[in-house]
C-alpha atoms as a PDB file:
ATOM      1  CA  UNK A   1       8.578   6.965  14.963  1.00  0.00           C
ATOM      2  CA  UNK A   2       5.858   5.945  12.544  1.00  0.00           C
ATOM      3  CA  UNK A   3       4.642   2.695  11.103  1.00  0.00           C
ATOM      4  CA  UNK A   4       4.578   3.182   7.292  1.00  0.00           C
ATOM      5  CA  UNK A   5       2.913   0.971   4.721  1.00  0.00           C
ATOM      6  CA  UNK A   6       4.534   1.057   1.288  1.00  0.00           C
ATOM      7  CA  UNK A   7       4.235  -0.464  -1.912  1.00  0.00           C
ATOM      8  CA  UNK A   8       4.864  -0.210  -5.810  1.00  0.00           C
ATOM      9  CA  UNK A   9       4.356  -1.489  -9.292  1.00  0.00           C
ATOM     10  CA  UNK A  10       7.503  -2.555 -11.312  1.00  0.00           C
ATOM     11  CA  UNK A  11       8.130   0.906 -12.267  1.00  0.00           C
ATOM     12  CA  UNK A  12       8.446   1.802  -8.657  1.00  0.00           C
ATOM     13  CA  UNK A  13      10.155  -0.923  -7.279  1.00  0.00           C
ATOM     14  CA  UNK A  14      13.661   0.442  -7.255  1.00  0.00           C
ATOM     15  CA  UNK A  15      12.433   3.640  -5.657  1.00  0.00           C
ATOM     16  CA  UNK A  16      10.373   1.685  -3.253  1.00  0.00           C
ATOM     17  CA  UNK A  17      13.194  -0.091  -2.240  1.00  0.00           C
ATOM     18  CA  UNK A  18      15.247   2.826  -1.720  1.00  0.00           C
ATOM     19  CA  UNK A  19      12.794   4.808   0.307  1.00  0.00           C
ATOM     20  CA  UNK A  20      11.866   1.834   2.609  1.00  0.00           C
ATOM     21  CA  UNK A  21      15.566   1.776   3.370  1.00  0.00           C
ATOM     22  CA  UNK A  22      15.612   5.414   4.155  1.00  0.00           C
ATOM     23  CA  UNK A  23      12.503   5.040   6.392  1.00  0.00           C
ATOM     24  CA  UNK A  24      13.989   2.326   8.250  1.00  0.00           C
ATOM     25  CA  UNK A  25      17.239   4.300   8.608  1.00  0.00           C
ATOM     26  CA  UNK A  26      15.031   6.965  10.339  1.00  0.00           C
ATOM     27  CA  UNK A  27      13.638   4.611  12.686  1.00  0.00           C
ATOM     28  CA  UNK A  28      10.287   4.031  10.992  1.00  0.00           C
ATOM     29  CA  UNK A  29       8.788   0.503  10.955  1.00  0.00           C
ATOM     30  CA  UNK A  30       8.080  -0.495   7.251  1.00  0.00           C
ATOM     31  CA  UNK A  31       5.333  -2.766   6.419  1.00  0.00           C
ATOM     32  CA  UNK A  32       6.119  -3.722   2.821  1.00  0.00           C
ATOM     33  CA  UNK A  33       3.230  -4.678   0.527  1.00  0.00           C
ATOM     34  CA  UNK A  34       5.322  -5.354  -2.727  1.00  0.00           C
ATOM     35  CA  UNK A  35       6.078  -6.018  -5.407  1.00  0.00           C
ATOM     36  CA  UNK A  36       9.486  -7.638  -4.834  1.00  0.00           C
ATOM     37  CA  UNK A  37      10.993  -7.193  -8.274  1.00  0.00           C
ATOM     38  CA  UNK A  38      10.902  -4.929 -11.378  1.00  0.00           C
ATOM     39  CA  UNK A  39       8.741  -7.936 -13.222  1.00  0.00           C
ATOM     40  CA  UNK A  40       5.716  -6.527 -14.474  1.00  0.00           C
ATOM     41  CA  UNK A  41       2.740  -6.436 -11.874  1.00  0.00           C
ATOM     42  CA  UNK A  42      -0.401  -4.870 -11.689  1.00  0.00           C
ATOM     43  CA  UNK A  43      -0.701  -2.031  -9.178  1.00  0.00           C
ATOM     44  CA  UNK A  44      -4.346  -1.794  -8.120  1.00  0.00           C
ATOM     45  CA  UNK A  45      -4.096  -4.779  -5.657  1.00  0.00           C
ATOM     46  CA  UNK A  46      -0.905  -3.520  -4.197  1.00  0.00           C
ATOM     47  CA  UNK A  47      -2.385   0.010  -3.985  1.00  0.00           C
ATOM     48  CA  UNK A  48      -5.415  -1.195  -2.265  1.00  0.00           C
ATOM     49  CA  UNK A  49      -3.511  -3.423   0.252  1.00  0.00           C
ATOM     50  CA  UNK A  50      -1.565  -0.002   1.502  1.00  0.00           C
ATOM     51  CA  UNK A  51      -4.755   1.826   1.608  1.00  0.00           C
ATOM     52  CA  UNK A  52      -6.613  -0.858   3.701  1.00  0.00           C
ATOM     53  CA  UNK A  53      -3.324  -1.054   5.951  1.00  0.00           C
ATOM     54  CA  UNK A  54      -3.888   2.835   6.465  1.00  0.00           C
ATOM     55  CA  UNK A  55      -7.661   2.872   6.757  1.00  0.00           C
ATOM     56  CA  UNK A  56      -7.445  -0.157   9.502  1.00  0.00           C
ATOM     57  CA  UNK A  57      -4.697   2.029  11.353  1.00  0.00           C
ATOM     58  CA  UNK A  58      -2.117  -0.534  11.093  1.00  0.00           C
ATOM     59  CA  UNK A  59      -0.077   2.305   9.497  1.00  0.00           C
ATOM     60  CA  UNK A  60      -0.269   5.734  10.329  1.00  0.00           C
ATOM     61  CA  UNK A  61       0.434   6.744   6.605  1.00  0.00           C
ATOM     62  CA  UNK A  62       1.074   4.961   3.278  1.00  0.00           C
ATOM     63  CA  UNK A  63       3.644   5.504   0.219  1.00  0.00           C
ATOM     64  CA  UNK A  64       3.073   4.157  -3.261  1.00  0.00           C
ATOM     65  CA  UNK A  65       5.461   4.358  -6.155  1.00  0.00           C
ATOM     66  CA  UNK A  66       4.642   3.824  -9.834  1.00  0.00           C
ATOM     67  CA  UNK A  67       5.722   5.025 -13.069  1.00  0.00           C
ATOM     68  CA  UNK A  68       3.799   8.269 -13.021  1.00  0.00           C
ATOM     69  CA  UNK A  69       1.967   7.533  -9.520  1.00  0.00           C
ATOM     70  CA  UNK A  70      -1.506   8.515 -10.930  1.00  0.00           C
ATOM     71  CA  UNK A  71      -2.772   4.798 -11.002  1.00  0.00           C
ATOM     72  CA  UNK A  72      -1.709   4.096  -7.628  1.00  0.00           C
ATOM     73  CA  UNK A  73      -3.578   7.357  -6.293  1.00  0.00           C
ATOM     74  CA  UNK A  74      -6.515   6.372  -8.253  1.00  0.00           C
ATOM     75  CA  UNK A  75      -6.484   2.764  -6.750  1.00  0.00           C
ATOM     76  CA  UNK A  76      -5.561   3.820  -3.313  1.00  0.00           C
ATOM     77  CA  UNK A  77      -8.546   6.448  -3.036  1.00  0.00           C
ATOM     78  CA  UNK A  78     -11.144   3.677  -3.930  1.00  0.00           C
ATOM     79  CA  UNK A  79     -10.378   2.564  -0.341  1.00  0.00           C
ATOM     80  CA  UNK A  80     -12.957   4.272   1.990  1.00  0.00           C
ATOM     81  CA  UNK A  81     -11.047   6.484   4.469  1.00  0.00           C
ATOM     82  CA  UNK A  82      -8.116   7.010   2.328  1.00  0.00           C
ATOM     83  CA  UNK A  83      -6.967  10.511   0.879  1.00  0.00           C
ATOM     84  CA  UNK A  84      -4.179   9.608  -1.419  1.00  0.00           C
ATOM     85  CA  UNK A  85      -2.369  12.449  -2.935  1.00  0.00           C
ATOM     86  CA  UNK A  86      -0.133  12.278  -5.951  1.00  0.00           C
ATOM     87  CA  UNK A  87       3.168  14.623  -4.947  1.00  0.00           C
ATOM     88  CA  UNK A  88       5.805  15.007  -7.497  1.00  0.00           C
ATOM     89  CA  UNK A  89       7.129  18.192  -5.917  1.00  0.00           C
ATOM     90  CA  UNK A  90       7.499  19.621  -2.573  1.00  0.00           C
ATOM     91  CA  UNK A  91       4.726  22.140  -2.621  1.00  0.00           C
ATOM     92  CA  UNK A  92       2.106  19.580  -3.390  1.00  0.00           C
ATOM     93  CA  UNK A  93       3.407  17.200  -0.467  1.00  0.00           C
ATOM     94  CA  UNK A  94       3.133  20.105   1.858  1.00  0.00           C
ATOM     95  CA  UNK A  95      -0.138  21.196   1.071  1.00  0.00           C
ATOM     96  CA  UNK A  96      -1.616  17.587   0.678  1.00  0.00           C
ATOM     97  CA  UNK A  97      -0.824  17.099   4.328  1.00  0.00           C
ATOM     98  CA  UNK A  98      -1.574  20.745   5.647  1.00  0.00           C
ATOM     99  CA  UNK A  99      -4.858  21.185   4.162  1.00  0.00           C
ATOM    100  CA  UNK A 100      -6.051  17.861   2.966  1.00  0.00           C
ATOM    101  CA  UNK A 101      -4.745  15.732   5.814  1.00  0.00           C
ATOM    102  CA  UNK A 102      -3.504  13.270   2.892  1.00  0.00           C
ATOM    103  CA  UNK A 103      -2.812   9.816   4.627  1.00  0.00           C
ATOM    104  CA  UNK A 104      -1.259   8.071   1.554  1.00  0.00           C
ATOM    105  CA  UNK A 105       1.695   9.637  -0.505  1.00  0.00           C
ATOM    106  CA  UNK A 106       1.941   8.636  -4.166  1.00  0.00           C
ATOM    107  CA  UNK A 107       5.045   9.402  -6.257  1.00  0.00           C
ATOM    108  CA  UNK A 108       5.754   9.096  -9.911  1.00  0.00           C
ATOM    109  CA  UNK A 109       9.315   7.089 -10.083  1.00  0.00           C
ATOM    110  CA  UNK A 110       9.710   7.930 -13.825  1.00  0.00           C
ATOM    111  CA  UNK A 111       9.117  11.472 -13.212  1.00  0.00           C
ATOM    112  CA  UNK A 112      10.929  12.252  -9.736  1.00  0.00           C
ATOM    113  CA  UNK A 113      14.643  11.538  -9.066  1.00  0.00           C
ATOM    114  CA  UNK A 114      15.560   9.728  -5.949  1.00  0.00           C
ATOM    115  CA  UNK A 115      17.108  12.915  -4.018  1.00  0.00           C
ATOM    116  CA  UNK A 116      13.700  14.901  -4.651  1.00  0.00           C
ATOM    117  CA  UNK A 117      11.668  11.582  -3.825  1.00  0.00           C
ATOM    118  CA  UNK A 118      13.490  11.600  -0.464  1.00  0.00           C
ATOM    119  CA  UNK A 119      12.720  15.218   0.049  1.00  0.00           C
ATOM    120  CA  UNK A 120       9.208  14.945  -0.922  1.00  0.00           C
ATOM    121  CA  UNK A 121       8.730  11.925   1.427  1.00  0.00           C
ATOM    122  CA  UNK A 122      10.320  13.868   4.372  1.00  0.00           C
ATOM    123  CA  UNK A 123       7.997  17.010   3.871  1.00  0.00           C
ATOM    124  CA  UNK A 124       4.925  14.772   3.591  1.00  0.00           C
ATOM    125  CA  UNK A 125       5.842  13.072   6.870  1.00  0.00           C
ATOM    126  CA  UNK A 126       6.735  15.926   8.789  1.00  0.00           C
ATOM    127  CA  UNK A 127       3.863  18.449   7.867  1.00  0.00           C
ATOM    128  CA  UNK A 128       0.964  18.720  10.270  1.00  0.00           C
ATOM    129  CA  UNK A 129      -2.601  18.959   9.139  1.00  0.00           C
ATOM    130  CA  UNK A 130      -3.516  22.654   9.801  1.00  0.00           C
ATOM    131  CA  UNK A 131      -7.282  21.819  10.658  1.00  0.00           C
ATOM    132  CA  UNK A 132      -9.529  25.011  11.102  1.00  0.00           C
ATOM    133  CA  UNK A 133     -11.207  25.667   7.821  1.00  0.00           C
ATOM    134  CA  UNK A 134      -9.436  22.797   6.158  1.00  0.00           C
ATOM    135  CA  UNK A 135     -10.966  20.258   8.771  1.00  0.00           C
ATOM    136  CA  UNK A 136     -14.471  21.268   7.468  1.00  0.00           C
ATOM    137  CA  UNK A 137     -13.623  20.532   3.734  1.00  0.00           C
ATOM    138  CA  UNK A 138     -11.879  17.257   4.850  1.00  0.00           C
ATOM    139  CA  UNK A 139     -15.219  16.349   6.717  1.00  0.00           C
ATOM    140  CA  UNK A 140     -17.063  17.004   3.367  1.00  0.00           C
ATOM    141  CA  UNK A 141     -14.647  14.447   1.606  1.00  0.00           C
ATOM    142  CA  UNK A 142     -15.194  12.028   4.080  1.00  0.00           C
ATOM    143  CA  UNK A 143     -18.992  12.629   3.712  1.00  0.00           C
ATOM    144  CA  UNK A 144     -18.532  11.954   0.003  1.00  0.00           C
ATOM    145  CA  UNK A 145     -17.809   8.347   0.622  1.00  0.00           C
ATOM    146  CA  UNK A 146     -21.150   7.711   2.134  1.00  0.00           C
ATOM    147  CA  UNK A 147     -23.112   9.463  -0.677  1.00  0.00           C
ATOM    148  CA  UNK A 148     -21.669   7.613  -3.568  1.00  0.00           C
END
């Protein structure tokens, strides 16, 4: 099983708690970076912490939950080595892994219901990177980090 870093802002707290329990029930080790309640909190530090945990290989993948998931995705992508993907449906979850080798999943907790969020998480965790022509493109994404 995998080691998975997880975090959320206040809007994603309930879904984060639920998905962390699902992950633990599936035998994964969960590294919870907060938040610990539905009290208002800023998402950038939490998103960065999840991103750094993945970058440093203390976790294989990360999961971030927010109201829309967009802010968490943007913040996590500021961490070199992170390829965070906002996936509010099954297709984008599959393509984020298969074609982009995404290593952090973000979901909008105010957009996606609990059942669909579980399915998105499962697809993200079980889809392998296809490599091939996609590996060249992922390498180009990595190269961009040293240019800008």
